[in-house]
C-alpha atoms as a PDB file:
ATOM      1  CA  MET A   1     -64.211  -1.857  24.755  1.00  0.00           C
ATOM      2  CA  ALA A   2     -61.091   0.028  26.046  1.00  0.00           C
ATOM      3  CA  VAL A   3     -59.933   3.133  24.504  1.00  0.00           C
ATOM      4  CA  LEU A   4     -56.321   3.694  23.661  1.00  0.00           C
ATOM      5  CA  PHE A   5     -54.527   6.834  24.045  1.00  0.00           C
ATOM      6  CA  HIS A   6     -51.848   6.905  21.464  1.00  0.00           C
ATOM      7  CA  ASP A   7     -53.403   9.816  19.363  1.00  0.00           C
ATOM      8  CA  LYS A   8     -54.007  11.900  22.414  1.00  0.00           C
ATOM      9  CA  PRO A   9     -52.065  14.563  24.505  1.00  0.00           C
ATOM     10  CA  SER A  10     -51.968  11.879  27.418  1.00  0.00           C
ATOM     11  CA  HIS A  11     -49.527   9.853  25.638  1.00  0.00           C
ATOM     12  CA  LYS A  12     -46.811  12.216  27.187  1.00  0.00           C
ATOM     13  CA  HIS A  13     -48.566  12.121  30.543  1.00  0.00           C
ATOM     14  CA  PRO A  14     -46.857   9.601  33.022  1.00  0.00           C
ATOM     15  CA  CYS A  15     -50.196   9.377  34.918  1.00  0.00           C
ATOM     16  CA  PHE A  16     -52.272   8.421  32.058  1.00  0.00           C
ATOM     17  CA  HIS A  17     -50.132   6.393  29.721  1.00  0.00           C
ATOM     18  CA  SER A  18     -48.376   3.144  30.539  1.00  0.00           C
ATOM     19  CA  GLU A  19     -45.571   3.733  27.960  1.00  0.00           C
ATOM     20  CA  ALA A  20     -45.080   7.410  29.328  1.00  0.00           C
ATOM     21  CA  HIS A  21     -44.669   6.329  32.772  1.00  0.00           C
ATOM     22  CA  GLN A  22     -41.001   5.604  32.961  1.00  0.00           C
ATOM     23  CA  LYS A  23     -40.131   8.191  30.310  1.00  0.00           C
ATOM     24  CA  TYR A  24     -41.916  11.297  31.132  1.00  0.00           C
ATOM     25  CA  GLY A  25     -41.938  13.393  34.328  1.00  0.00           C
ATOM     26  CA  ARG A  26     -44.576  15.389  36.165  1.00  0.00           C
ATOM     27  CA  ILE A  27     -44.517  18.249  38.902  1.00  0.00           C
ATOM     28  CA  HIS A  28     -47.632  18.618  41.360  1.00  0.00           C
ATOM     29  CA  LEU A  29     -48.044  22.177  42.628  1.00  0.00           C
ATOM     30  CA  PRO A  30     -49.513  22.012  46.084  1.00  0.00           C
ATOM     31  CA  VAL A  31     -51.581  25.368  45.667  1.00  0.00           C
ATOM     32  CA  SER A  32     -54.866  24.225  46.793  1.00  0.00           C
ATOM     33  CA  PRO A  33     -55.214  24.931  50.589  1.00  0.00           C
ATOM     34  CA  PHE A  34     -58.499  23.484  51.748  1.00  0.00           C
ATOM     35  CA  CYS A  35     -61.140  20.865  50.545  1.00  0.00           C
ATOM     36  CA  ASN A  36     -65.092  20.992  50.277  1.00  0.00           C
ATOM     37  CA  ILE A  37     -65.645  17.538  51.135  1.00  0.00           C
ATOM     38  CA  GLN A  38     -64.383  15.186  54.071  1.00  0.00           C
ATOM     39  CA  CYS A  39     -63.741  11.822  53.040  1.00  0.00           C
ATOM     40  CA  ARG A  40     -63.815   9.052  55.714  1.00  0.00           C
ATOM     41  CA  PHE A  41     -60.459   7.984  54.800  1.00  0.00           C
ATOM     42  CA  CYS A  42     -58.811  11.120  54.233  1.00  0.00           C
ATOM     43  CA  VAL A  43     -56.148  12.612  56.588  1.00  0.00           C
ATOM     44  CA  ARG A  44     -54.480  15.666  54.896  1.00  0.00           C
ATOM     45  CA  SER A  45     -50.985  16.352  56.537  1.00  0.00           C
ATOM     46  CA  ARG A  46     -47.939  18.637  56.028  1.00  0.00           C
ATOM     47  CA  ASN A  47     -44.554  16.714  56.358  1.00  0.00           C
ATOM     48  CA  GLU A  48     -41.538  15.276  54.414  1.00  0.00           C
ATOM     49  CA  PHE A  49     -41.971  11.798  54.681  1.00  0.00           C
ATOM     50  CA  GLU A  50     -45.354  10.182  54.013  1.00  0.00           C
ATOM     51  CA  GLN A  51     -45.651   9.171  50.251  1.00  0.00           C
ATOM     52  CA  ARG A  52     -49.300   9.205  49.621  1.00  0.00           C
ATOM     53  CA  PRO A  53     -52.034  11.755  48.240  1.00  0.00           C
ATOM     54  CA  GLY A  54     -53.120  14.546  50.561  1.00  0.00           C
ATOM     55  CA  VAL A  55     -49.557  15.175  51.915  1.00  0.00           C
ATOM     56  CA  THR A  56     -47.183  18.206  50.985  1.00  0.00           C
ATOM     57  CA  LYS A  57     -44.345  19.955  52.790  1.00  0.00           C
ATOM     58  CA  ASP A  58     -45.554  23.438  52.281  1.00  0.00           C
ATOM     59  CA  ILE A  59     -48.477  25.237  50.485  1.00  0.00           C
ATOM     60  CA  LEU A  60     -47.489  27.362  47.458  1.00  0.00           C
ATOM     61  CA  LYS A  61     -49.323  30.607  46.423  1.00  0.00           C
ATOM     62  CA  PRO A  62     -50.006  30.902  42.780  1.00  0.00           C
ATOM     63  CA  GLU A  63     -47.583  33.642  42.292  1.00  0.00           C
ATOM     64  CA  GLN A  64     -44.620  31.250  43.293  1.00  0.00           C
ATOM     65  CA  ALA A  65     -45.545  28.481  40.882  1.00  0.00           C
ATOM     66  CA  VAL A  66     -43.804  30.023  37.803  1.00  0.00           C
ATOM     67  CA  GLY A  67     -40.583  30.111  39.525  1.00  0.00           C
ATOM     68  CA  ILE A  68     -41.062  26.541  40.918  1.00  0.00           C
ATOM     69  CA  VAL A  69     -41.749  25.105  37.551  1.00  0.00           C
ATOM     70  CA  GLU A  70     -38.992  26.889  36.207  1.00  0.00           C
ATOM     71  CA  ARG A  71     -36.653  25.207  38.751  1.00  0.00           C
ATOM     72  CA  ALA A  72     -38.193  21.980  38.239  1.00  0.00           C
ATOM     73  CA  LEU A  73     -37.366  22.089  34.447  1.00  0.00           C
ATOM     74  CA  ARG A  74     -34.033  22.706  35.196  1.00  0.00           C
ATOM     75  CA  LEU A  75     -33.657  19.617  37.614  1.00  0.00           C
ATOM     76  CA  CYS A  76     -35.942  17.216  35.377  1.00  0.00           C
ATOM     77  CA  PRO A  77     -35.979  18.380  31.753  1.00  0.00           C
ATOM     78  CA  GLU A  78     -38.250  15.012  31.230  1.00  0.00           C
ATOM     79  CA  ILE A  79     -41.295  17.055  32.816  1.00  0.00           C
ATOM     80  CA  THR A  80     -44.214  17.218  30.186  1.00  0.00           C
ATOM     81  CA  VAL A  81     -46.956  17.601  32.833  1.00  0.00           C
ATOM     82  CA  VAL A  82     -47.786  20.329  35.343  1.00  0.00           C
ATOM     83  CA  GLY A  83     -50.515  18.729  37.804  1.00  0.00           C
ATOM     84  CA  ILE A  84     -52.479  20.099  40.800  1.00  0.00           C
ATOM     85  CA  ALA A  85     -53.666  17.531  43.002  1.00  0.00           C
ATOM     86  CA  GLY A  86     -54.022  18.906  46.392  1.00  0.00           C
ATOM     87  CA  PRO A  87     -53.326  18.874  49.293  1.00  0.00           C
ATOM     88  CA  GLY A  88     -57.080  19.936  49.288  1.00  0.00           C
ATOM     89  CA  ASP A  89     -59.319  20.078  46.241  1.00  0.00           C
ATOM     90  CA  THR A  90     -58.236  22.110  43.232  1.00  0.00           C
ATOM     91  CA  LEU A  91     -61.710  23.599  42.888  1.00  0.00           C
ATOM     92  CA  ALA A  92     -62.533  24.379  46.550  1.00  0.00           C
ATOM     93  CA  SER A  93     -60.649  27.596  45.991  1.00  0.00           C
ATOM     94  CA  GLU A  94     -59.574  29.900  43.137  1.00  0.00           C
ATOM     95  CA  ASP A  95     -55.931  29.040  43.557  1.00  0.00           C
ATOM     96  CA  ALA A  96     -55.513  26.056  40.982  1.00  0.00           C
ATOM     97  CA  VAL A  97     -57.392  28.043  38.222  1.00  0.00           C
ATOM     98  CA  LYS A  98     -54.966  31.156  38.914  1.00  0.00           C
ATOM     99  CA  THR A  99     -51.907  28.845  39.000  1.00  0.00           C
ATOM    100  CA  PHE A 100     -52.756  27.305  35.663  1.00  0.00           C
ATOM    101  CA  MET A 101     -53.400  30.616  34.056  1.00  0.00           C
ATOM    102  CA  LEU A 102     -49.910  31.748  34.994  1.00  0.00           C
ATOM    103  CA  ILE A 103     -48.151  28.552  33.999  1.00  0.00           C
ATOM    104  CA  HIS A 104     -50.023  28.342  30.870  1.00  0.00           C
ATOM    105  CA  GLU A 105     -48.912  31.878  29.900  1.00  0.00           C
ATOM    106  CA  LYS A 106     -45.476  31.191  30.203  1.00  0.00           C
ATOM    107  CA  TYR A 107     -45.228  27.405  29.410  1.00  0.00           C
ATOM    108  CA  PRO A 108     -47.888  26.749  26.965  1.00  0.00           C
ATOM    109  CA  GLU A 109     -46.394  23.600  25.638  1.00  0.00           C
ATOM    110  CA  LEU A 110     -46.818  21.735  28.983  1.00  0.00           C
ATOM    111  CA  ILE A 111     -49.625  19.437  29.506  1.00  0.00           C
ATOM    112  CA  GLN A 112     -51.741  20.777  32.508  1.00  0.00           C
ATOM    113  CA  CYS A 113     -53.727  18.234  34.442  1.00  0.00           C
ATOM    114  CA  LEU A 114     -56.193  18.830  37.291  1.00  0.00           C
ATOM    115  CA  SER A 115     -57.402  16.386  39.889  1.00  0.00           C
ATOM    116  CA  THR A 116     -60.779  17.088  41.547  1.00  0.00           C
ATOM    117  CA  ASN A 117     -63.360  15.403  43.772  1.00  0.00           C
ATOM    118  CA  GLY A 118     -65.962  16.842  40.992  1.00  0.00           C
ATOM    119  CA  LEU A 119     -68.090  18.882  43.474  1.00  0.00           C
ATOM    120  CA  ARG A 120     -67.262  22.153  41.672  1.00  0.00           C
ATOM    121  CA  LEU A 121     -66.346  20.739  38.250  1.00  0.00           C
ATOM    122  CA  PRO A 122     -69.211  21.882  36.381  1.00  0.00           C
ATOM    123  CA  ASP A 123     -68.798  25.523  37.554  1.00  0.00           C
ATOM    124  CA  TYR A 124     -65.332  25.599  35.894  1.00  0.00           C
ATOM    125  CA  ILE A 125     -65.607  23.472  32.706  1.00  0.00           C
ATOM    126  CA  GLY A 126     -65.857  26.675  30.501  1.00  0.00           C
ATOM    127  CA  GLN A 127     -62.664  27.987  31.961  1.00  0.00           C
ATOM    128  CA  LEU A 128     -60.383  24.876  31.956  1.00  0.00           C
ATOM    129  CA  PRO A 129     -59.520  24.428  28.161  1.00  0.00           C
ATOM    130  CA  GLN A 130     -58.768  28.178  28.098  1.00  0.00           C
ATOM    131  CA  ILE A 131     -56.251  27.826  30.710  1.00  0.00           C
ATOM    132  CA  GLY A 132     -54.611  24.782  29.084  1.00  0.00           C
ATOM    133  CA  VAL A 133     -55.861  21.948  31.110  1.00  0.00           C
ATOM    134  CA  LYS A 134     -56.000  19.027  29.028  1.00  0.00           C
ATOM    135  CA  THR A 135     -56.306  16.125  31.022  1.00  0.00           C
ATOM    136  CA  LEU A 136     -58.723  15.773  34.122  1.00  0.00           C
ATOM    137  CA  THR A 137     -58.679  13.244  37.009  1.00  0.00           C
ATOM    138  CA  VAL A 138     -62.029  12.813  38.862  1.00  0.00           C
ATOM    139  CA  THR A 139     -62.125  10.758  42.028  1.00  0.00           C
ATOM    140  CA  VAL A 140     -65.446   8.972  42.077  1.00  0.00           C
ATOM    141  CA  ASN A 141     -65.724   6.348  44.701  1.00  0.00           C
ATOM    142  CA  ALA A 142     -69.466   5.355  44.241  1.00  0.00           C
ATOM    143  CA  VAL A 143     -72.363   6.280  41.789  1.00  0.00           C
ATOM    144  CA  LYS A 144     -75.047   5.334  44.521  1.00  0.00           C
ATOM    145  CA  PRO A 145     -75.571   7.893  47.092  1.00  0.00           C
ATOM    146  CA  GLU A 146     -76.071   5.206  49.950  1.00  0.00           C
ATOM    147  CA  ILE A 147     -72.596   4.001  49.142  1.00  0.00           C
ATOM    148  CA  VAL A 148     -71.217   7.458  49.094  1.00  0.00           C
ATOM    149  CA  SER A 149     -72.500   8.145  52.514  1.00  0.00           C
ATOM    150  CA  ASN A 150     -70.441   5.360  53.870  1.00  0.00           C
ATOM    151  CA  ILE A 151     -67.265   6.850  52.361  1.00  0.00           C
ATOM    152  CA  VAL A 152     -67.706  10.649  52.482  1.00  0.00           C
ATOM    153  CA  ALA A 153     -68.682  12.143  55.954  1.00  0.00           C
ATOM    154  CA  TYR A 154     -69.924  15.526  54.596  1.00  0.00           C
ATOM    155  CA  ILE A 155     -69.534  17.941  51.702  1.00  0.00           C
ATOM    156  CA  VAL A 156     -69.673  21.751  52.074  1.00  0.00           C
ATOM    157  CA  TRP A 157     -72.083  23.049  49.724  1.00  0.00           C
ATOM    158  CA  ASN A 158     -73.466  26.529  49.432  1.00  0.00           C
ATOM    159  CA  GLY A 159     -71.792  27.344  52.947  1.00  0.00           C
ATOM    160  CA  LYS A 160     -73.475  24.453  54.517  1.00  0.00           C
ATOM    161  CA  LYS A 161     -72.166  20.967  55.624  1.00  0.00           C
ATOM    162  CA  ILE A 162     -74.637  18.186  54.153  1.00  0.00           C
ATOM    163  CA  SER A 163     -74.235  14.584  55.105  1.00  0.00           C
ATOM    164  CA  GLY A 164     -76.097  11.097  54.119  1.00  0.00           C
ATOM    165  CA  ILE A 165     -77.983  10.241  51.406  1.00  0.00           C
ATOM    166  CA  PRO A 166     -78.930  13.957  50.211  1.00  0.00           C
ATOM    167  CA  MET A 167     -74.938  14.530  50.337  1.00  0.00           C
ATOM    168  CA  GLY A 168     -74.578  11.661  48.321  1.00  0.00           C
ATOM    169  CA  GLU A 169     -77.162  12.779  45.727  1.00  0.00           C
ATOM    170  CA  ILE A 170     -75.479  16.129  45.198  1.00  0.00           C
ATOM    171  CA  LEU A 171     -71.906  14.813  45.083  1.00  0.00           C
ATOM    172  CA  VAL A 172     -72.752  11.999  42.296  1.00  0.00           C
ATOM    173  CA  SER A 173     -74.800  14.392  40.279  1.00  0.00           C
ATOM    174  CA  ARG A 174     -72.100  16.991  40.070  1.00  0.00           C
ATOM    175  CA  GLN A 175     -69.628  14.456  39.475  1.00  0.00           C
ATOM    176  CA  LEU A 176     -71.205  12.906  36.556  1.00  0.00           C
ATOM    177  CA  GLU A 177     -72.349  16.354  35.048  1.00  0.00           C
ATOM    178  CA  GLY A 178     -68.730  17.502  35.103  1.00  0.00           C
ATOM    179  CA  ILE A 179     -67.220  14.563  33.746  1.00  0.00           C
ATOM    180  CA  ARG A 180     -69.922  14.772  30.839  1.00  0.00           C
ATOM    181  CA  ARG A 181     -69.138  18.513  30.208  1.00  0.00           C
ATOM    182  CA  ALA A 182     -65.423  17.943  30.250  1.00  0.00           C
ATOM    183  CA  SER A 183     -65.477  15.287  27.592  1.00  0.00           C
ATOM    184  CA  GLU A 184     -67.659  17.270  25.479  1.00  0.00           C
ATOM    185  CA  SER A 185     -64.996  19.935  25.919  1.00  0.00           C
ATOM    186  CA  GLY A 186     -62.275  17.759  24.630  1.00  0.00           C
ATOM    187  CA  LEU A 187     -60.536  16.872  27.793  1.00  0.00           C
ATOM    188  CA  THR A 188     -59.105  13.315  28.246  1.00  0.00           C
ATOM    189  CA  ILE A 189     -60.625  11.967  31.740  1.00  0.00           C
ATOM    190  CA  LYS A 190     -59.396   9.600  34.036  1.00  0.00           C
ATOM    191  CA  VAL A 191     -61.521   8.390  37.056  1.00  0.00           C
ATOM    192  CA  ASN A 192     -59.766   7.303  40.138  1.00  0.00           C
ATOM    193  CA  THR A 193     -61.533   4.960  42.725  1.00  0.00           C
ATOM    194  CA  VAL A 194     -60.320   4.164  46.255  1.00  0.00           C
ATOM    195  CA  LEU A 195     -61.222   0.412  46.589  1.00  0.00           C
ATOM    196  CA  ILE A 196     -62.469  -0.278  50.190  1.00  0.00           C
ATOM    197  CA  PRO A 197     -63.291  -3.724  50.897  1.00  0.00           C
ATOM    198  CA  GLY A 198     -66.965  -4.114  52.333  1.00  0.00           C
ATOM    199  CA  ILE A 199     -67.848  -0.709  50.980  1.00  0.00           C
ATOM    200  CA  ASN A 200     -67.616  -0.159  47.192  1.00  0.00           C
ATOM    201  CA  ASP A 201     -65.597  -3.502  46.167  1.00  0.00           C
ATOM    202  CA  GLY A 202     -69.033  -4.773  44.918  1.00  0.00           C
ATOM    203  CA  HIS A 203     -69.710  -1.741  43.040  1.00  0.00           C
ATOM    204  CA  ILE A 204     -66.776  -1.257  41.037  1.00  0.00           C
ATOM    205  CA  GLU A 205     -68.554  -2.513  37.705  1.00  0.00           C
ATOM    206  CA  GLU A 206     -71.322  -0.084  38.143  1.00  0.00           C
ATOM    207  CA  ILE A 207     -69.033   3.015  38.552  1.00  0.00           C
ATOM    208  CA  ALA A 208     -66.828   1.776  35.610  1.00  0.00           C
ATOM    209  CA  GLN A 209     -69.954   1.678  33.395  1.00  0.00           C
ATOM    210  CA  THR A 210     -71.493   4.766  34.546  1.00  0.00           C
ATOM    211  CA  VAL A 211     -68.349   6.937  34.315  1.00  0.00           C
ATOM    212  CA  SER A 212     -67.487   5.373  30.842  1.00  0.00           C
ATOM    213  CA  GLU A 213     -71.028   6.335  29.660  1.00  0.00           C
ATOM    214  CA  VAL A 214     -70.602   9.974  30.558  1.00  0.00           C
ATOM    215  CA  GLY A 215     -67.269  10.356  28.911  1.00  0.00           C
ATOM    216  CA  ALA A 216     -64.471   9.140  31.011  1.00  0.00           C
ATOM    217  CA  SER A 217     -61.879   6.872  29.107  1.00  0.00           C
ATOM    218  CA  LEU A 218     -59.308   5.811  31.862  1.00  0.00           C
ATOM    219  CA  TYR A 219     -59.880   4.197  35.078  1.00  0.00           C
ATOM    220  CA  ASN A 220     -57.440   3.929  38.211  1.00  0.00           C
ATOM    221  CA  ILE A 221     -58.264   1.929  41.064  1.00  0.00           C
ATOM    222  CA  ILE A 222     -56.411   2.778  44.193  1.00  0.00           C
ATOM    223  CA  PRO A 223     -56.343   0.605  47.375  1.00  0.00           C
ATOM    224  CA  LEU A 224     -57.480   2.129  50.411  1.00  0.00           C
ATOM    225  CA  ILE A 225     -54.700   3.400  52.803  1.00  0.00           C
ATOM    226  CA  PRO A 226     -56.529   2.693  56.160  1.00  0.00           C
ATOM    227  CA  GLN A 227     -56.678   5.857  58.177  1.00  0.00           C
ATOM    228  CA  GLY A 228     -59.185   8.379  59.651  1.00  0.00           C
ATOM    229  CA  GLU A 229     -62.542   6.671  60.146  1.00  0.00           C
ATOM    230  CA  LEU A 230     -61.668   3.827  57.906  1.00  0.00           C
ATOM    231  CA  ALA A 231     -58.455   3.148  59.862  1.00  0.00           C
ATOM    232  CA  GLY A 232     -60.103  -0.308  60.921  1.00  0.00           C
ATOM    233  CA  ILE A 233     -60.412  -1.609  57.344  1.00  0.00           C
ATOM    234  CA  THR A 234     -58.040  -4.080  56.038  1.00  0.00           C
ATOM    235  CA  PRO A 235     -56.777  -2.894  52.699  1.00  0.00           C
ATOM    236  CA  PRO A 236     -57.448  -4.964  49.494  1.00  0.00           C
ATOM    237  CA  ASP A 237     -55.184  -7.834  48.769  1.00  0.00           C
ATOM    238  CA  CYS A 238     -53.867  -8.436  45.315  1.00  0.00           C
ATOM    239  CA  HIS A 239     -56.608 -10.928  44.274  1.00  0.00           C
ATOM    240  CA  GLU A 240     -59.233  -8.212  45.336  1.00  0.00           C
ATOM    241  CA  LYS A 241     -57.204  -5.313  43.382  1.00  0.00           C
ATOM    242  CA  GLN A 242     -56.835  -7.699  40.268  1.00  0.00           C
ATOM    243  CA  ASN A 243     -60.449  -8.656  40.242  1.00  0.00           C
ATOM    244  CA  ALA A 244     -61.728  -4.955  40.445  1.00  0.00           C
ATOM    245  CA  LYS A 245     -59.447  -4.129  37.668  1.00  0.00           C
ATOM    246  CA  MET A 246     -60.570  -6.934  35.629  1.00  0.00           C
ATOM    247  CA  ILE A 247     -64.312  -5.991  36.097  1.00  0.00           C
ATOM    248  CA  ALA A 248     -63.508  -2.421  35.267  1.00  0.00           C
ATOM    249  CA  SER A 249     -61.540  -3.242  31.981  1.00  0.00           C
ATOM    250  CA  ARG A 250     -64.802  -4.461  30.579  1.00  0.00           C
ATOM    251  CA  TYR A 251     -65.739  -0.631  30.237  1.00  0.00           C
ATOM    252  CA  LEU A 252     -62.608   1.435  30.329  1.00  0.00           C
ATOM    253  CA  GLU A 253     -58.876   1.395  29.897  1.00  0.00           C
ATOM    254  CA  VAL A 254     -57.378   0.463  33.194  1.00  0.00           C
ATOM    255  CA  PHE A 255     -54.320   2.333  34.214  1.00  0.00           C
ATOM    256  CA  GLU A 256     -51.691   0.077  36.072  1.00  0.00           C
ATOM    257  CA  HIS A 257     -48.947   2.183  37.284  1.00  0.00           C
ATOM    258  CA  CYS A 258     -50.248   4.587  39.843  1.00  0.00           C
ATOM    259  CA  LYS A 259     -47.840   5.502  42.609  1.00  0.00           C
ATOM    260  CA  HIS A 260     -49.966   7.344  45.107  1.00  0.00           C
ATOM    261  CA  CYS A 261     -47.980  10.385  44.690  1.00  0.00           C
ATOM    262  CA  ARG A 262     -47.790  13.398  47.144  1.00  0.00           C
ATOM    263  CA  ALA A 263     -49.476  16.696  46.414  1.00  0.00           C
ATOM    264  CA  ASP A 264     -45.818  18.110  45.932  1.00  0.00           C
ATOM    265  CA  ALA A 265     -44.388  15.400  43.997  1.00  0.00           C
ATOM    266  CA  CYS A 266     -41.597  16.140  41.300  1.00  0.00           C
ATOM    267  CA  GLY A 267     -39.943  13.937  38.646  1.00  0.00           C
ATOM    268  CA  ILE A 268     -40.451  10.784  36.599  1.00  0.00           C
ATOM    269  CA  PRO A 269     -42.886   8.479  38.872  1.00  0.00           C
ATOM    270  CA  GLY A 270     -40.858   5.831  40.429  1.00  0.00           C
ATOM    271  CA  LYS A 271     -37.711   7.245  40.043  1.00  0.00           C
ATOM    272  CA  LYS A 272     -35.895  10.171  41.673  1.00  0.00           C
ATOM    273  CA  ASP A 273     -38.047  12.713  43.291  1.00  0.00           C
ATOM    274  CA  PHE A 274     -37.050  16.401  43.295  1.00  0.00           C
ATOM    275  CA  SER A 275     -39.545  17.873  45.657  1.00  0.00           C
ATOM    276  CA  SER A 276     -36.944  18.573  48.516  1.00  0.00           C
ATOM    277  CA  GLN A 277     -35.125  20.676  46.383  1.00  0.00           C
ATOM    278  CA  LEU A 278     -38.060  22.795  45.311  1.00  0.00           C
ATOM    279  CA  TYR A 279     -40.015  23.537  48.421  1.00  0.00           C
ATOM    280  CA  GLN A 280     -37.902  25.030  51.372  1.00  0.00           C
ATOM    281  CA  GLU A 281     -39.699  27.824  53.092  1.00  0.00           C
ATOM    282  CA  LYS A 282     -42.561  27.648  55.300  1.00  0.00           C
ATOM    283  CA  MET A 283     -45.888  28.740  53.902  1.00  0.00           C
ATOM    284  CA  GLU A 284     -49.506  28.388  54.322  1.00  0.00           C
ATOM    285  CA  THR A 285     -51.410  25.933  56.298  1.00  0.00           C
ATOM    286  CA  PHE A 286     -54.729  24.317  54.886  1.00  0.00           C
ATOM    287  CA  SER A 287     -58.131  23.410  56.301  1.00  0.00           C
ATOM    288  CA  HIS A 288     -61.844  22.973  55.381  1.00  0.00           C
ATOM    289  CA  GLY A 289     -63.771  25.669  53.858  1.00  0.00           C
END
């Protein structure tokens, strides 16, 4: 059965609750400079025009974040959520944790939301509630290692690049352990899955059931944006997306309003974005670790 969110912090989170989507705002702080996995569809970029995850104009230092949030609240008082969703992975470096610590000190009333691929999630579970993180998004594109290997080229694990089935085994194990422990810590957990025709479209039920069993309570299905190694795949059509959502809804509440936000988005989703007024100076680049 689907789990409803009216009694949780997520009722003021526009990316977790349908009734909050047009009412409350969020700011994404682009403080995470590099990633520890390489998805075959992922192309991170720095520009001002692409509207998709993995894109930002600049990279912030954690010490700059408090000032940015202060300016964002002046521009958009409806902001209730401070999120970190890239452009790299939030737990591939210490930058996101440092940023949340600083923000939570000054703005403890704001919901802090972390998005991650989950590879390092078990290592940070003890810290996240202490620094104000209340909602968590984990991208899980498959729970079978052989399917993972068709979606992820490699992970960086203990300083080495690992690919193939062993890579998939490590990633899935870490993701599910992280979700379970995060749920036990009281976090509200959403799972994102990129729907890729011919690769994981027949796997949605198993993903939804598995992540539900370890503690996720919300599911977001994101249609593939064809790029990178998967540039030749046709994205799912409306029927395929609706069918996947219907299947997933047997196990979890399905979020219907995702806007595929940039890593530096600011404002109420679908309405005016204030990011161009926040990030004006050239900062750091990002890369793989």
